[in-house]
C-alpha atoms as a PDB file:
ATOM      1  CA  MET A   1       0.000   0.000   0.000  1.00  0.00           C
ATOM      2  CA  SER A   2       1.597   3.285  -1.147  1.00  0.00           C
ATOM      3  CA  ARG A   3       1.575   6.080   1.408  1.00  0.00           C
ATOM      4  CA  LEU A   4      -0.586   9.064   0.485  1.00  0.00           C
ATOM      5  CA  GLN A   5       1.093  12.448   0.109  1.00  0.00           C
ATOM      6  CA  VAL A   6      -0.299  15.697   1.472  1.00  0.00           C
ATOM      7  CA  ARG A   7       0.490  18.652  -0.801  1.00  0.00           C
ATOM      8  CA  HIS A   8       0.173  22.068   0.811  1.00  0.00           C
ATOM      9  CA  MET A   9      -0.696  24.461  -2.007  1.00  0.00           C
ATOM     10  CA  GLN A  10      -0.630  28.237  -2.178  1.00  0.00           C
ATOM     11  CA  PHE A  11      -3.132  29.774  -4.595  1.00  0.00           C
ATOM     12  CA  ASP A  12      -3.376  33.519  -5.193  1.00  0.00           C
ATOM     13  CA  TYR A  13      -6.966  34.391  -4.352  1.00  0.00           C
ATOM     14  CA  ASP A  14      -6.218  38.106  -4.680  1.00  0.00           C
ATOM     15  CA  GLN A  15      -5.713  37.911  -8.429  1.00  0.00           C
ATOM     16  CA  PRO A  16      -8.701  38.756 -10.664  1.00  0.00           C
ATOM     17  CA  PHE A  17     -10.764  35.813 -11.855  1.00  0.00           C
ATOM     18  CA  GLU A  18     -14.057  35.252 -13.607  1.00  0.00           C
ATOM     19  CA  PRO A  19     -16.919  33.238 -12.102  1.00  0.00           C
ATOM     20  CA  VAL A  20     -17.014  31.436 -15.464  1.00  0.00           C
ATOM     21  CA  PHE A  21     -13.694  29.629 -15.237  1.00  0.00           C
ATOM     22  CA  LEU A  22     -14.491  26.883 -17.749  1.00  0.00           C
ATOM     23  CA  ARG A  23     -13.804  28.477 -21.129  1.00  0.00           C
ATOM     24  CA  GLY A  24     -17.143  29.361 -22.757  1.00  0.00           C
ATOM     25  CA  LYS A  25     -19.116  27.156 -20.336  1.00  0.00           C
ATOM     26  CA  PRO A  26     -20.990  29.309 -17.795  1.00  0.00           C
ATOM     27  CA  GLU A  27     -23.454  26.596 -16.776  1.00  0.00           C
ATOM     28  CA  ALA A  28     -20.763  23.968 -16.228  1.00  0.00           C
ATOM     29  CA  SER A  29     -18.681  26.518 -14.286  1.00  0.00           C
ATOM     30  CA  HIS A  30     -21.529  27.319 -11.925  1.00  0.00           C
ATOM     31  CA  TYR A  31     -22.337  23.660 -11.348  1.00  0.00           C
ATOM     32  CA  PHE A  32     -18.704  23.060 -10.461  1.00  0.00           C
ATOM     33  CA  THR A  33     -18.947  25.892  -7.941  1.00  0.00           C
ATOM     34  CA  GLY A  34     -22.191  24.388  -6.628  1.00  0.00           C
ATOM     35  CA  PHE A  35     -20.321  21.192  -5.836  1.00  0.00           C
ATOM     36  CA  SER A  36     -17.503  23.248  -4.292  1.00  0.00           C
ATOM     37  CA  ILE A  37     -20.067  24.512  -1.779  1.00  0.00           C
ATOM     38  CA  VAL A  38     -20.970  20.910  -0.943  1.00  0.00           C
ATOM     39  CA  LEU A  39     -17.314  19.886  -0.580  1.00  0.00           C
ATOM     40  CA  HIS A  40     -16.615  22.549   2.027  1.00  0.00           C
ATOM     41  CA  HIS A  41     -18.680  20.549   4.546  1.00  0.00           C
ATOM     42  CA  LEU A  42     -18.792  17.078   2.981  1.00  0.00           C
ATOM     43  CA  GLU A  43     -15.042  16.683   3.392  1.00  0.00           C
ATOM     44  CA  PRO A  44     -15.023  17.592   7.116  1.00  0.00           C
ATOM     45  CA  TYR A  45     -17.851  15.056   7.513  1.00  0.00           C
ATOM     46  CA  MET A  46     -15.615  12.381   5.991  1.00  0.00           C
ATOM     47  CA  ILE A  47     -12.712  13.452   8.206  1.00  0.00           C
ATOM     48  CA  ARG A  48     -14.901  13.060  11.297  1.00  0.00           C
ATOM     49  CA  SER A  49     -15.979   9.633  10.081  1.00  0.00           C
ATOM     50  CA  MET A  50     -12.412   8.448   9.468  1.00  0.00           C
ATOM     51  CA  LYS A  51     -11.248   9.675  12.863  1.00  0.00           C
ATOM     52  CA  GLN A  52     -14.118   7.833  14.501  1.00  0.00           C
ATOM     53  CA  ALA A  53     -13.101   4.653  12.660  1.00  0.00           C
ATOM     54  CA  MET A  54      -9.347   4.834  13.308  1.00  0.00           C
ATOM     55  CA  PRO A  55      -9.359   3.145  16.755  1.00  0.00           C
ATOM     56  CA  LEU A  56     -11.142   0.142  15.225  1.00  0.00           C
ATOM     57  CA  VAL A  57      -8.639  -0.391  12.389  1.00  0.00           C
ATOM     58  CA  THR A  58      -6.004  -3.034  13.100  1.00  0.00           C
ATOM     59  CA  ASP A  59      -3.902  -2.557   9.951  1.00  0.00           C
ATOM     60  CA  ASP A  60      -1.113  -0.058  10.727  1.00  0.00           C
ATOM     61  CA  ALA A  61      -0.476   0.922   7.097  1.00  0.00           C
ATOM     62  CA  LEU A  62      -4.188   1.485   6.490  1.00  0.00           C
ATOM     63  CA  ARG A  63      -4.498   3.563   9.645  1.00  0.00           C
ATOM     64  CA  ASP A  64      -1.516   5.684   8.583  1.00  0.00           C
ATOM     65  CA  ASN A  65      -3.151   6.342   5.225  1.00  0.00           C
ATOM     66  CA  MET A  66      -6.394   7.240   6.983  1.00  0.00           C
ATOM     67  CA  GLU A  67      -4.465   9.962   8.791  1.00  0.00           C
ATOM     68  CA  GLN A  68      -2.973  11.131   5.493  1.00  0.00           C
ATOM     69  CA  PHE A  69      -6.434  11.041   3.901  1.00  0.00           C
ATOM     70  CA  CYS A  70      -7.737  13.325   6.637  1.00  0.00           C
ATOM     71  CA  ARG A  71      -4.842  15.729   6.058  1.00  0.00           C
ATOM     72  CA  GLN A  72      -5.485  15.758   2.315  1.00  0.00           C
ATOM     73  CA  GLU A  73      -9.185  16.394   2.822  1.00  0.00           C
ATOM     74  CA  ALA A  74      -8.413  19.183   5.302  1.00  0.00           C
ATOM     75  CA  GLN A  75      -6.339  20.909   2.624  1.00  0.00           C
ATOM     76  CA  HIS A  76      -9.156  20.438   0.122  1.00  0.00           C
ATOM     77  CA  PHE A  77     -11.987  21.886   2.167  1.00  0.00           C
ATOM     78  CA  GLN A  78      -9.889  24.849   3.296  1.00  0.00           C
ATOM     79  CA  GLN A  79      -9.096  25.748  -0.314  1.00  0.00           C
ATOM     80  CA  HIS A  80     -12.733  25.303  -1.331  1.00  0.00           C
ATOM     81  CA  LYS A  81     -13.775  27.558   1.535  1.00  0.00           C
ATOM     82  CA  ARG A  82     -11.436  30.293   0.273  1.00  0.00           C
ATOM     83  CA  PHE A  83     -12.716  29.816  -3.270  1.00  0.00           C
ATOM     84  CA  ASN A  84     -16.354  29.943  -2.122  1.00  0.00           C
ATOM     85  CA  ASP A  85     -15.645  33.172  -0.221  1.00  0.00           C
ATOM     86  CA  ALA A  86     -14.010  34.645  -3.318  1.00  0.00           C
ATOM     87  CA  MET A  87     -17.051  33.667  -5.390  1.00  0.00           C
ATOM     88  CA  ALA A  88     -19.417  35.271  -2.879  1.00  0.00           C
ATOM     89  CA  SER A  89     -17.600  38.563  -3.405  1.00  0.00           C
ATOM     90  CA  LYS A  90     -18.375  38.343  -7.139  1.00  0.00           C
ATOM     91  CA  GLY A  91     -22.028  39.150  -6.549  1.00  0.00           C
ATOM     92  CA  PHE A  92     -23.386  35.965  -4.976  1.00  0.00           C
ATOM     93  CA  PRO A  93     -24.149  37.049  -1.384  1.00  0.00           C
ATOM     94  CA  ASP A  94     -26.486  34.129  -0.679  1.00  0.00           C
ATOM     95  CA  LEU A  95     -23.563  31.713  -0.914  1.00  0.00           C
ATOM     96  CA  LYS A  96     -22.914  32.349   2.781  1.00  0.00           C
ATOM     97  CA  SER A  97     -26.371  31.181   3.840  1.00  0.00           C
ATOM     98  CA  LEU A  98     -26.235  28.219   1.452  1.00  0.00           C
ATOM     99  CA  GLU A  99     -22.940  27.146   2.981  1.00  0.00           C
ATOM    100  CA  GLU A 100     -24.481  27.318   6.446  1.00  0.00           C
ATOM    101  CA  GLU A 101     -27.384  25.141   5.282  1.00  0.00           C
ATOM    102  CA  ASN A 102     -24.879  22.661   3.902  1.00  0.00           C
ATOM    103  CA  ARG A 103     -22.935  22.626   7.187  1.00  0.00           C
ATOM    104  CA  LEU A 104     -26.102  21.730   9.068  1.00  0.00           C
ATOM    105  CA  VAL A 105     -26.932  18.933   6.611  1.00  0.00           C
ATOM    106  CA  TYR A 106     -23.635  17.154   7.266  1.00  0.00           C
ATOM    107  CA  LYS A 107     -23.700  17.948  10.964  1.00  0.00           C
ATOM    108  CA  HIS A 108     -27.088  16.197  11.114  1.00  0.00           C
ATOM    109  CA  LEU A 109     -25.698  13.132   9.331  1.00  0.00           C
ATOM    110  CA  SER A 110     -22.764  12.957  11.757  1.00  0.00           C
ATOM    111  CA  GLU A 111     -25.086  13.114  14.746  1.00  0.00           C
ATOM    112  CA  THR A 112     -27.838  10.762  13.594  1.00  0.00           C
ATOM    113  CA  LYS A 113     -26.238   7.993  11.504  1.00  0.00           C
ATOM    114  CA  SER A 114     -23.994   5.058  12.361  1.00  0.00           C
ATOM    115  CA  LEU A 115     -20.279   4.752  11.638  1.00  0.00           C
ATOM    116  CA  LYS A 116     -21.115   2.037   9.102  1.00  0.00           C
ATOM    117  CA  PHE A 117     -23.371   4.511   7.277  1.00  0.00           C
ATOM    118  CA  HIS A 118     -20.710   7.251   7.381  1.00  0.00           C
ATOM    119  CA  LEU A 119     -18.065   4.983   5.863  1.00  0.00           C
ATOM    120  CA  ALA A 120     -20.450   3.678   3.195  1.00  0.00           C
ATOM    121  CA  TYR A 121     -21.358   7.291   2.335  1.00  0.00           C
ATOM    122  CA  ALA A 122     -17.659   8.231   2.147  1.00  0.00           C
ATOM    123  CA  GLU A 123     -16.914   5.236  -0.093  1.00  0.00           C
ATOM    124  CA  THR A 124     -19.821   6.177  -2.350  1.00  0.00           C
ATOM    125  CA  PHE A 125     -18.584   9.737  -2.731  1.00  0.00           C
ATOM    126  CA  GLU A 126     -15.017   8.640  -3.408  1.00  0.00           C
ATOM    127  CA  SER A 127     -16.084   6.082  -6.035  1.00  0.00           C
ATOM    128  CA  LEU A 128     -18.340   8.658  -7.712  1.00  0.00           C
ATOM    129  CA  ALA A 129     -15.637  11.321  -7.607  1.00  0.00           C
ATOM    130  CA  SER A 130     -12.993   8.989  -9.053  1.00  0.00           C
ATOM    131  CA  ALA A 131     -15.259   7.874 -11.891  1.00  0.00           C
ATOM    132  CA  ALA A 132     -16.221  11.491 -12.655  1.00  0.00           C
ATOM    133  CA  ILE A 133     -12.619  12.727 -12.569  1.00  0.00           C
ATOM    134  CA  VAL A 134     -11.386  10.002 -14.931  1.00  0.00           C
ATOM    135  CA  HIS A 135     -14.306  10.813 -17.237  1.00  0.00           C
ATOM    136  CA  GLU A 136     -13.656  14.575 -17.207  1.00  0.00           C
ATOM    137  CA  ILE A 137      -9.924  14.182 -17.790  1.00  0.00           C
ATOM    138  CA  LYS A 138     -10.602  11.952 -20.794  1.00  0.00           C
ATOM    139  CA  ASN A 139     -13.138  14.498 -22.080  1.00  0.00           C
ATOM    140  CA  GLY A 140     -10.555  17.281 -21.848  1.00  0.00           C
ATOM    141  CA  LEU A 141     -12.499  19.310 -19.293  1.00  0.00           C
ATOM    142  CA  VAL A 142      -9.367  20.023 -17.252  1.00  0.00           C
ATOM    143  CA  ASP A 143      -7.861  21.620 -20.354  1.00  0.00           C
ATOM    144  CA  ASP A 144     -10.759  24.102 -20.510  1.00  0.00           C
ATOM    145  CA  THR A 145     -10.320  25.211 -16.885  1.00  0.00           C
ATOM    146  CA  GLU A 146      -8.585  28.581 -16.680  1.00  0.00           C
ATOM    147  CA  GLY A 147      -6.472  30.429 -14.119  1.00  0.00           C
ATOM    148  CA  PHE A 148      -5.791  29.541 -10.510  1.00  0.00           C
ATOM    149  CA  VAL A 149      -9.332  28.170 -10.172  1.00  0.00           C
ATOM    150  CA  GLY A 150      -8.375  25.531 -12.709  1.00  0.00           C
ATOM    151  CA  ASP A 151      -5.308  24.722 -10.616  1.00  0.00           C
ATOM    152  CA  ILE A 152      -7.462  24.253  -7.517  1.00  0.00           C
ATOM    153  CA  TRP A 153      -9.640  21.691  -9.287  1.00  0.00           C
ATOM    154  CA  ARG A 154      -6.784  19.904 -11.067  1.00  0.00           C
ATOM    155  CA  TRP A 155      -4.783  19.594  -7.829  1.00  0.00           C
ATOM    156  CA  HIS A 156      -7.897  18.327  -6.047  1.00  0.00           C
ATOM    157  CA  PHE A 157      -8.532  15.831  -8.861  1.00  0.00           C
ATOM    158  CA  CYS A 158      -4.990  14.452  -8.501  1.00  0.00           C
ATOM    159  CA  GLU A 159      -5.353  13.805  -4.789  1.00  0.00           C
ATOM    160  CA  GLU A 160      -8.835  12.334  -5.189  1.00  0.00           C
ATOM    161  CA  LEU A 161      -7.394   9.799  -7.609  1.00  0.00           C
ATOM    162  CA  GLU A 162      -4.458   9.164  -5.297  1.00  0.00           C
ATOM    163  CA  HIS A 163      -6.719   8.234  -2.365  1.00  0.00           C
ATOM    164  CA  ARG A 164      -9.474   6.719  -4.547  1.00  0.00           C
ATOM    165  CA  ALA A 165      -9.382   3.365  -2.702  1.00  0.00           C
ATOM    166  CA  LEU A 166      -8.913   4.523   0.895  1.00  0.00           C
ATOM    167  CA  ALA A 167     -12.587   4.750   1.908  1.00  0.00           C
ATOM    168  CA  TYR A 168     -13.280   1.443   0.151  1.00  0.00           C
ATOM    169  CA  ASP A 169     -10.409  -0.261   1.997  1.00  0.00           C
ATOM    170  CA  VAL A 170     -11.576   1.069   5.356  1.00  0.00           C
ATOM    171  CA  TYR A 171     -15.167  -0.037   4.746  1.00  0.00           C
ATOM    172  CA  GLN A 172     -14.023  -3.490   3.605  1.00  0.00           C
ATOM    173  CA  HIS A 173     -11.670  -3.815   6.580  1.00  0.00           C
ATOM    174  CA  LEU A 174     -14.380  -3.040   9.126  1.00  0.00           C
ATOM    175  CA  TYR A 175     -17.571  -4.320   7.479  1.00  0.00           C
ATOM    176  CA  GLY A 176     -17.324  -5.736   3.947  1.00  0.00           C
ATOM    177  CA  ASP A 177     -21.119  -5.669   3.661  1.00  0.00           C
ATOM    178  CA  THR A 178     -21.645  -5.115  -0.071  1.00  0.00           C
ATOM    179  CA  ALA A 179     -25.447  -5.071   0.104  1.00  0.00           C
ATOM    180  CA  TYR A 180     -25.415  -2.308   2.725  1.00  0.00           C
ATOM    181  CA  ARG A 181     -22.791  -0.309   0.822  1.00  0.00           C
ATOM    182  CA  THR A 182     -24.914  -0.562  -2.317  1.00  0.00           C
ATOM    183  CA  ALA A 183     -28.073   0.557  -0.527  1.00  0.00           C
ATOM    184  CA  VAL A 184     -26.386   3.529   1.128  1.00  0.00           C
ATOM    185  CA  GLY A 185     -24.732   4.250  -2.222  1.00  0.00           C
ATOM    186  CA  PHE A 186     -28.058   4.936  -3.923  1.00  0.00           C
ATOM    187  CA  TYR A 187     -28.991   7.331  -1.130  1.00  0.00           C
ATOM    188  CA  ALA A 188     -25.586   9.040  -0.928  1.00  0.00           C
ATOM    189  CA  ARG A 189     -25.238   9.700  -4.652  1.00  0.00           C
ATOM    190  CA  THR A 190     -28.692  11.236  -4.812  1.00  0.00           C
ATOM    191  CA  HIS A 191     -28.037  13.249  -1.660  1.00  0.00           C
ATOM    192  CA  PHE A 192     -24.728  14.694  -2.845  1.00  0.00           C
ATOM    193  CA  ILE A 193     -25.849  15.399  -6.416  1.00  0.00           C
ATOM    194  CA  LYS A 194     -29.096  17.086  -5.330  1.00  0.00           C
ATOM    195  CA  LEU A 195     -27.161  19.443  -3.068  1.00  0.00           C
ATOM    196  CA  GLY A 196     -24.655  20.342  -5.789  1.00  0.00           C
ATOM    197  CA  LEU A 197     -27.367  20.934  -8.390  1.00  0.00           C
ATOM    198  CA  ARG A 198     -29.361  23.068  -5.976  1.00  0.00           C
ATOM    199  CA  PHE A 199     -26.400  25.343  -5.274  1.00  0.00           C
ATOM    200  CA  GLY A 200     -25.420  25.438  -8.949  1.00  0.00           C
ATOM    201  CA  ASN A 201     -28.968  26.422  -9.910  1.00  0.00           C
ATOM    202  CA  TYR A 202     -28.816  29.317  -7.430  1.00  0.00           C
ATOM    203  CA  LEU A 203     -25.629  30.592  -9.100  1.00  0.00           C
ATOM    204  CA  LEU A 204     -27.191  30.302 -12.554  1.00  0.00           C
ATOM    205  CA  ARG A 205     -30.284  32.247 -11.488  1.00  0.00           C
ATOM    206  CA  ALA A 206     -28.196  34.942  -9.813  1.00  0.00           C
ATOM    207  CA  ASP A 207     -25.925  35.272 -12.868  1.00  0.00           C
ATOM    208  CA  GLU A 208     -28.628  34.804 -15.505  1.00  0.00           C
ATOM    209  CA  GLN A 209     -28.601  38.267 -17.080  1.00  0.00           C
ATOM    210  CA  ARG A 210     -24.832  38.429 -17.364  1.00  0.00           C
ATOM    211  CA  ILE A 211     -24.709  34.943 -18.918  1.00  0.00           C
ATOM    212  CA  LEU A 212     -27.374  35.817 -21.492  1.00  0.00           C
ATOM    213  CA  LYS A 213     -25.559  39.038 -22.351  1.00  0.00           C
ATOM    214  CA  LEU A 214     -22.080  37.551 -22.706  1.00  0.00           C
ATOM    215  CA  TYR A 215     -22.756  34.016 -23.909  1.00  0.00           C
ATOM    216  CA  GLY A 216     -25.880  34.255 -26.068  1.00  0.00           C
ATOM    217  CA  GLY A 217     -29.610  33.971 -25.554  1.00  0.00           C
ATOM    218  CA  ARG A 218     -31.908  31.168 -24.469  1.00  0.00           C
ATOM    219  CA  TRP A 219     -31.273  29.014 -27.503  1.00  0.00           C
ATOM    220  CA  GLN A 220     -27.495  29.047 -27.019  1.00  0.00           C
ATOM    221  CA  GLN A 221     -27.986  28.300 -23.328  1.00  0.00           C
ATOM    222  CA  ALA A 222     -30.246  25.344 -24.139  1.00  0.00           C
ATOM    223  CA  VAL A 223     -27.572  23.967 -26.476  1.00  0.00           C
ATOM    224  CA  ARG A 224     -24.904  24.267 -23.784  1.00  0.00           C
ATOM    225  CA  ILE A 225     -27.100  22.500 -21.215  1.00  0.00           C
ATOM    226  CA  TRP A 226     -27.824  19.733 -23.723  1.00  0.00           C
ATOM    227  CA  GLN A 227     -24.058  19.365 -24.233  1.00  0.00           C
ATOM    228  CA  ILE A 228     -23.560  19.005 -20.473  1.00  0.00           C
ATOM    229  CA  LEU A 229     -26.217  16.280 -20.317  1.00  0.00           C
ATOM    230  CA  ARG A 230     -24.718  14.526 -23.345  1.00  0.00           C
ATOM    231  CA  ASP A 231     -21.205  14.636 -21.918  1.00  0.00           C
ATOM    232  CA  GLN A 232     -22.269  13.451 -18.475  1.00  0.00           C
ATOM    233  CA  ALA A 233     -24.268  10.567 -19.928  1.00  0.00           C
ATOM    234  CA  GLY A 234     -20.903   8.977 -20.651  1.00  0.00           C
ATOM    235  CA  LEU A 235     -20.325   8.789 -16.908  1.00  0.00           C
ATOM    236  CA  ILE A 236     -23.291   6.471 -16.309  1.00  0.00           C
ATOM    237  CA  PRO A 237     -21.508   3.193 -17.188  1.00  0.00           C
ATOM    238  CA  ALA A 238     -18.609   4.025 -14.838  1.00  0.00           C
ATOM    239  CA  VAL A 239     -21.002   4.785 -11.976  1.00  0.00           C
ATOM    240  CA  LEU A 240     -23.015   1.613 -12.594  1.00  0.00           C
ATOM    241  CA  GLY A 241     -19.741  -0.295 -12.602  1.00  0.00           C
ATOM    242  CA  THR A 242     -19.287   0.480  -8.904  1.00  0.00           C
ATOM    243  CA  TYR A 243     -22.248  -1.832  -8.212  1.00  0.00           C
ATOM    244  CA  LYS A 244     -20.821  -4.809 -10.092  1.00  0.00           C
ATOM    245  CA  PRO A 245     -19.656  -7.879  -8.134  1.00  0.00           C
ATOM    246  CA  GLY A 246     -15.935  -7.666  -7.625  1.00  0.00           C
ATOM    247  CA  TYR A 247     -15.808  -3.879  -8.016  1.00  0.00           C
ATOM    248  CA  SER A 248     -12.684  -2.272  -6.579  1.00  0.00           C
ATOM    249  CA  PRO A 249     -11.375   1.287  -7.033  1.00  0.00           C
ATOM    250  CA  HIS A 250      -7.906  -0.259  -7.087  1.00  0.00           C
ATOM    251  CA  ASP A 251      -8.725  -1.318 -10.648  1.00  0.00           C
ATOM    252  CA  ILE A 252      -9.034   2.270 -11.930  1.00  0.00           C
ATOM    253  CA  VAL A 253      -6.311   2.824 -14.515  1.00  0.00           C
ATOM    254  CA  ILE A 254      -4.156   5.896 -13.868  1.00  0.00           C
ATOM    255  CA  THR A 255      -3.039   7.238 -17.232  1.00  0.00           C
ATOM    256  CA  PRO A 256       0.281   8.975 -17.992  1.00  0.00           C
ATOM    257  CA  LYS A 257      -1.592  12.303 -18.193  1.00  0.00           C
ATOM    258  CA  MET A 258      -2.964  11.819 -14.672  1.00  0.00           C
ATOM    259  CA  GLU A 259       0.499  10.868 -13.400  1.00  0.00           C
ATOM    260  CA  GLU A 260       2.002  13.964 -15.016  1.00  0.00           C
ATOM    261  CA  MET A 261      -0.628  16.222 -13.414  1.00  0.00           C
ATOM    262  CA  THR A 262       0.160  14.716 -10.012  1.00  0.00           C
ATOM    263  CA  ARG A 263       3.895  15.199 -10.521  1.00  0.00           C
ATOM    264  CA  GLN A 264       3.357  18.866 -11.470  1.00  0.00           C
ATOM    265  CA  TYR A 265       1.351  19.662  -8.350  1.00  0.00           C
ATOM    266  CA  THR A 266       3.780  17.788  -6.149  1.00  0.00           C
ATOM    267  CA  GLU A 267       6.511  20.072  -7.495  1.00  0.00           C
ATOM    268  CA  GLN A 268       4.355  23.211  -7.091  1.00  0.00           C
ATOM    269  CA  ALA A 269       3.422  22.453  -3.478  1.00  0.00           C
ATOM    270  CA  ILE A 270       5.003  24.677  -0.854  1.00  0.00           C
ATOM    271  CA  ARG A 271       5.271  21.603   1.372  1.00  0.00           C
ATOM    272  CA  VAL A 272       4.727  17.871   0.960  1.00  0.00           C
ATOM    273  CA  ARG A 273       4.365  15.485   3.891  1.00  0.00           C
END
């Protein structure tokens, strides 16, 4: 088991940036930001869950990687918090209240669900994230992402792929109950996606007039949304694959492009531990 690396990054949030950071794709940009709002409190929820599980884990190498996972996720949510704050200053004042709603959602899960549920939820998110990241890299989405905001997402993608199997390994080590993981998986995917879409829809409504002015009218917007749906339809087989007997995130193939991205951000980090 390779030890996870924690890359401490320094992004310049004071430099000018556009809310539409995916070149020519305002809707996709705002949905990405919607999921950034979710991540700010989803990732602390997973950290709490891993810390609760650590005393039960008997594999020293796995427990060490759980600690590294928590450190990686701490870096992620802190950067997403700074990005969300920067976005709020771009004319989206309700982001603050939406983030508070999101905090309460994950606080409620922590307080009312079992450790088994928490770890199944975490595994579901990690499997979904890994499948989505591989899909988006193959589709060239990372190449359309501009500025330091693009660096935030690409760096995050690299570390998500690096720890893609950690939540799965922890769940298997403690429970190995595939039927339960599958059942919670249906709930967790719907839960996470609904939150992200809700926050993304708020951003689109708040930015509607500017989008129509700069990127074309309703017809052009409908075409772009259709393109998003078409592109994301390609993700369905990968997501369904996580329910197949014998599924393991260890089987995800890391391409040379993904390895090169990881190497670049390792070199750019101000500190690696």
